[in-house]
N, C-alpha and C. Protein backbone atom coordinates (compact mmCIF):
# COMPACT_ATOMS: atom_id res chain seq x y z
N UNK A 1 73.93 -96.68 1.32
CA UNK A 1 73.42 -97.77 0.49
C UNK A 1 72.38 -97.23 -0.48
N UNK A 2 72.48 -97.68 -1.71
CA UNK A 2 71.55 -97.22 -2.74
C UNK A 2 70.21 -97.91 -2.62
N UNK A 3 69.19 -97.17 -3.03
CA UNK A 3 67.86 -97.78 -3.06
C UNK A 3 67.75 -98.68 -4.27
N UNK A 4 66.76 -99.53 -4.27
CA UNK A 4 66.53 -100.41 -5.41
C UNK A 4 66.19 -99.59 -6.65
N UNK A 5 65.46 -98.50 -6.48
CA UNK A 5 65.14 -97.62 -7.60
C UNK A 5 66.41 -97.05 -8.20
N UNK A 6 67.35 -96.65 -7.34
CA UNK A 6 68.62 -96.11 -7.81
C UNK A 6 69.42 -97.13 -8.59
N UNK A 7 69.42 -98.37 -8.13
CA UNK A 7 70.12 -99.43 -8.85
C UNK A 7 69.49 -99.68 -10.21
N UNK A 8 68.17 -99.66 -10.26
CA UNK A 8 67.48 -99.83 -11.54
C UNK A 8 67.88 -98.73 -12.51
N UNK A 9 67.92 -97.50 -12.02
CA UNK A 9 68.30 -96.37 -12.87
C UNK A 9 69.73 -96.51 -13.35
N UNK A 10 70.65 -96.86 -12.46
CA UNK A 10 72.05 -97.01 -12.84
C UNK A 10 72.23 -98.05 -13.93
N UNK A 11 71.53 -99.16 -13.81
CA UNK A 11 71.66 -100.23 -14.79
C UNK A 11 70.96 -99.92 -16.10
N UNK A 12 69.90 -99.15 -16.05
CA UNK A 12 69.09 -98.92 -17.25
C UNK A 12 69.51 -97.69 -18.04
N UNK A 13 70.04 -96.69 -17.36
CA UNK A 13 70.35 -95.42 -18.02
C UNK A 13 71.83 -95.10 -17.91
N UNK A 14 72.68 -96.03 -18.29
CA UNK A 14 74.13 -95.86 -18.16
C UNK A 14 74.65 -94.71 -19.01
N UNK A 15 74.03 -94.43 -20.14
CA UNK A 15 74.51 -93.40 -21.05
C UNK A 15 74.14 -91.99 -20.60
N UNK A 16 73.35 -91.86 -19.57
CA UNK A 16 72.85 -90.56 -19.14
C UNK A 16 73.24 -90.29 -17.69
N UNK A 17 74.54 -90.17 -17.42
CA UNK A 17 75.00 -90.02 -16.04
C UNK A 17 74.42 -88.80 -15.34
N UNK A 18 74.60 -87.62 -15.91
CA UNK A 18 74.11 -86.40 -15.26
C UNK A 18 72.59 -86.38 -15.19
N UNK A 19 71.97 -86.75 -16.28
CA UNK A 19 70.52 -86.75 -16.32
C UNK A 19 69.93 -87.78 -15.36
N UNK A 20 70.66 -88.86 -15.16
CA UNK A 20 70.18 -89.93 -14.28
C UNK A 20 70.02 -89.44 -12.84
N UNK A 21 70.92 -88.58 -12.40
CA UNK A 21 70.82 -88.04 -11.04
C UNK A 21 69.57 -87.20 -10.87
N UNK A 22 69.31 -86.35 -11.85
CA UNK A 22 68.11 -85.50 -11.80
C UNK A 22 66.86 -86.37 -11.87
N UNK A 23 66.88 -87.34 -12.75
CA UNK A 23 65.74 -88.24 -12.91
C UNK A 23 65.46 -89.01 -11.63
N UNK A 24 66.53 -89.48 -10.98
CA UNK A 24 66.36 -90.22 -9.72
C UNK A 24 65.73 -89.33 -8.65
N UNK A 25 66.17 -88.07 -8.58
CA UNK A 25 65.59 -87.14 -7.62
C UNK A 25 64.11 -86.90 -7.91
N UNK A 26 63.79 -86.74 -9.19
CA UNK A 26 62.38 -86.54 -9.57
C UNK A 26 61.52 -87.74 -9.19
N UNK A 27 62.04 -88.93 -9.44
CA UNK A 27 61.29 -90.14 -9.08
C UNK A 27 61.09 -90.24 -7.57
N UNK A 28 62.14 -89.97 -6.82
CA UNK A 28 62.03 -90.06 -5.36
C UNK A 28 61.02 -89.05 -4.82
N UNK A 29 61.06 -87.83 -5.34
CA UNK A 29 60.12 -86.80 -4.89
C UNK A 29 58.69 -87.14 -5.29
N UNK A 30 58.52 -87.64 -6.51
CA UNK A 30 57.16 -87.98 -6.95
C UNK A 30 56.60 -89.15 -6.15
N UNK A 31 57.44 -90.12 -5.84
CA UNK A 31 56.99 -91.25 -5.03
C UNK A 31 56.65 -90.81 -3.60
N UNK A 32 57.44 -89.91 -3.04
CA UNK A 32 57.15 -89.39 -1.70
C UNK A 32 55.82 -88.64 -1.69
N UNK A 33 55.58 -87.87 -2.75
CA UNK A 33 54.32 -87.13 -2.85
C UNK A 33 53.13 -88.08 -2.92
N UNK A 34 53.23 -89.09 -3.76
CA UNK A 34 52.13 -90.06 -3.91
C UNK A 34 51.89 -90.79 -2.59
N UNK A 35 52.95 -91.11 -1.88
CA UNK A 35 52.79 -91.77 -0.57
C UNK A 35 52.05 -90.88 0.41
N UNK A 36 52.30 -89.57 0.35
CA UNK A 36 51.60 -88.63 1.24
C UNK A 36 50.14 -88.48 0.86
N UNK A 37 49.87 -88.32 -0.42
CA UNK A 37 48.52 -88.04 -0.90
C UNK A 37 47.65 -89.29 -0.87
N UNK A 38 48.23 -90.41 -1.29
CA UNK A 38 47.48 -91.66 -1.33
C UNK A 38 48.01 -92.57 -0.22
N UNK A 39 48.07 -93.82 -0.49
CA UNK A 39 48.56 -94.79 0.48
C UNK A 39 50.01 -95.16 0.15
N UNK A 40 50.78 -95.58 1.13
CA UNK A 40 52.17 -95.96 0.87
C UNK A 40 52.32 -97.08 -0.16
N UNK A 41 51.34 -97.96 -0.22
CA UNK A 41 51.44 -99.07 -1.17
C UNK A 41 51.07 -98.65 -2.59
N UNK A 42 50.73 -97.38 -2.81
CA UNK A 42 50.37 -96.91 -4.15
C UNK A 42 51.58 -96.77 -5.07
N UNK A 43 52.77 -96.80 -4.50
CA UNK A 43 54.00 -96.62 -5.27
C UNK A 43 54.69 -97.97 -5.37
N UNK A 44 55.17 -98.29 -6.58
CA UNK A 44 55.83 -99.58 -6.75
C UNK A 44 57.04 -99.44 -7.67
N UNK A 45 57.84 -100.50 -7.72
CA UNK A 45 58.98 -100.51 -8.63
C UNK A 45 58.51 -100.57 -10.08
N UNK A 46 57.31 -101.05 -10.29
CA UNK A 46 56.74 -101.04 -11.63
C UNK A 46 56.66 -99.62 -12.17
N UNK A 47 56.31 -98.67 -11.28
CA UNK A 47 56.26 -97.27 -11.68
C UNK A 47 57.63 -96.77 -12.13
N UNK A 48 58.66 -97.18 -11.41
CA UNK A 48 60.03 -96.79 -11.77
C UNK A 48 60.40 -97.38 -13.12
N UNK A 49 60.06 -98.64 -13.33
CA UNK A 49 60.37 -99.29 -14.62
C UNK A 49 59.63 -98.60 -15.77
N UNK A 50 58.39 -98.22 -15.54
CA UNK A 50 57.63 -97.51 -16.58
C UNK A 50 58.28 -96.17 -16.89
N UNK A 51 58.69 -95.47 -15.87
CA UNK A 51 59.33 -94.17 -16.07
C UNK A 51 60.63 -94.32 -16.85
N UNK A 52 61.41 -95.34 -16.54
CA UNK A 52 62.66 -95.60 -17.26
C UNK A 52 62.36 -95.91 -18.72
N UNK A 53 61.34 -96.70 -18.97
CA UNK A 53 60.95 -97.03 -20.34
C UNK A 53 60.59 -95.77 -21.12
N UNK A 54 59.85 -94.87 -20.49
CA UNK A 54 59.49 -93.61 -21.15
C UNK A 54 60.71 -92.75 -21.45
N UNK A 55 61.63 -92.67 -20.50
CA UNK A 55 62.84 -91.87 -20.71
C UNK A 55 63.66 -92.44 -21.86
N UNK A 56 63.81 -93.75 -21.90
CA UNK A 56 64.54 -94.38 -23.00
C UNK A 56 63.88 -94.11 -24.35
N UNK A 57 62.55 -94.18 -24.38
CA UNK A 57 61.82 -93.93 -25.62
C UNK A 57 62.07 -92.52 -26.11
N UNK A 58 61.91 -91.54 -25.23
CA UNK A 58 62.07 -90.15 -25.64
C UNK A 58 63.53 -89.81 -25.96
N UNK A 59 64.48 -90.43 -25.26
CA UNK A 59 65.89 -90.21 -25.58
C UNK A 59 66.20 -90.74 -26.97
N UNK A 60 65.69 -91.92 -27.29
CA UNK A 60 65.86 -92.47 -28.64
C UNK A 60 65.19 -91.62 -29.69
N UNK A 61 64.04 -91.09 -29.35
CA UNK A 61 63.32 -90.22 -30.27
C UNK A 61 64.11 -88.95 -30.56
N UNK A 62 64.73 -88.39 -29.55
CA UNK A 62 65.54 -87.18 -29.75
C UNK A 62 66.78 -87.47 -30.57
N UNK A 63 67.38 -88.63 -30.38
CA UNK A 63 68.57 -88.99 -31.15
C UNK A 63 68.24 -89.21 -32.62
N UNK A 64 67.06 -89.71 -32.91
CA UNK A 64 66.66 -89.98 -34.29
C UNK A 64 65.95 -88.81 -34.95
N UNK A 65 65.71 -87.75 -34.21
CA UNK A 65 64.93 -86.62 -34.71
C UNK A 65 65.53 -85.97 -35.96
N UNK A 66 66.85 -85.71 -36.04
CA UNK A 66 67.37 -85.09 -37.26
C UNK A 66 67.07 -85.92 -38.50
N UNK A 67 67.17 -87.24 -38.38
CA UNK A 67 66.86 -88.10 -39.51
C UNK A 67 65.38 -88.00 -39.86
N UNK A 68 64.52 -88.02 -38.88
CA UNK A 68 63.09 -87.94 -39.14
C UNK A 68 62.74 -86.61 -39.77
N UNK A 69 63.38 -85.51 -39.29
CA UNK A 69 63.09 -84.19 -39.82
C UNK A 69 63.50 -84.11 -41.29
N UNK A 70 64.68 -84.62 -41.64
CA UNK A 70 65.13 -84.54 -43.03
C UNK A 70 64.27 -85.44 -43.91
N UNK A 71 63.82 -86.58 -43.38
CA UNK A 71 62.96 -87.46 -44.17
C UNK A 71 61.61 -86.80 -44.43
N UNK A 72 61.05 -86.14 -43.43
CA UNK A 72 59.75 -85.50 -43.62
C UNK A 72 59.88 -84.31 -44.55
N UNK A 73 61.01 -83.62 -44.52
CA UNK A 73 61.24 -82.49 -45.41
C UNK A 73 61.25 -82.98 -46.87
N UNK A 74 61.94 -84.08 -47.10
CA UNK A 74 61.99 -84.66 -48.45
C UNK A 74 60.60 -85.11 -48.88
N UNK A 75 59.87 -85.75 -47.98
CA UNK A 75 58.53 -86.21 -48.30
C UNK A 75 57.62 -85.03 -48.64
N UNK A 76 57.70 -83.96 -47.86
CA UNK A 76 56.87 -82.79 -48.12
C UNK A 76 57.20 -82.15 -49.46
N UNK A 77 58.46 -82.11 -49.83
CA UNK A 77 58.83 -81.56 -51.14
C UNK A 77 58.23 -82.41 -52.26
N UNK A 78 58.33 -83.72 -52.13
CA UNK A 78 57.78 -84.60 -53.15
C UNK A 78 56.27 -84.41 -53.24
N UNK A 79 55.64 -84.27 -52.12
CA UNK A 79 54.20 -84.08 -52.10
C UNK A 79 53.82 -82.78 -52.80
N UNK A 80 54.58 -81.72 -52.53
CA UNK A 80 54.29 -80.43 -53.17
C UNK A 80 54.49 -80.54 -54.67
N UNK A 81 55.56 -81.21 -55.10
CA UNK A 81 55.81 -81.37 -56.53
C UNK A 81 54.69 -82.16 -57.20
N UNK A 82 54.17 -83.14 -56.55
CA UNK A 82 53.08 -83.94 -57.11
C UNK A 82 51.82 -83.08 -57.22
N UNK A 83 51.54 -82.27 -56.23
CA UNK A 83 50.35 -81.43 -56.24
C UNK A 83 50.41 -80.34 -57.30
N UNK A 84 51.61 -79.89 -57.67
CA UNK A 84 51.75 -78.81 -58.65
C UNK A 84 51.48 -79.29 -60.06
N UNK A 85 51.57 -80.57 -60.32
CA UNK A 85 51.38 -81.09 -61.68
C UNK A 85 49.96 -81.02 -62.12
């Protein structure tokens, strides 16, 4: 039976099958560590949701990066041309 964290990951990160497995392992290990170091109640599903939100943000950032890079390159050229005048 899957954990609730695993179900959250499956539903939230459908496009990242291989990465989702690694991410789930990382979350489980980090939660186990926090439970050992602090108190068992220190870990919550809110933490899992926050982690998923971060992964989605950075995945979107990586997908849009080529566009951002070409836009900044164009902007920098225009800036240089303006400064040379």
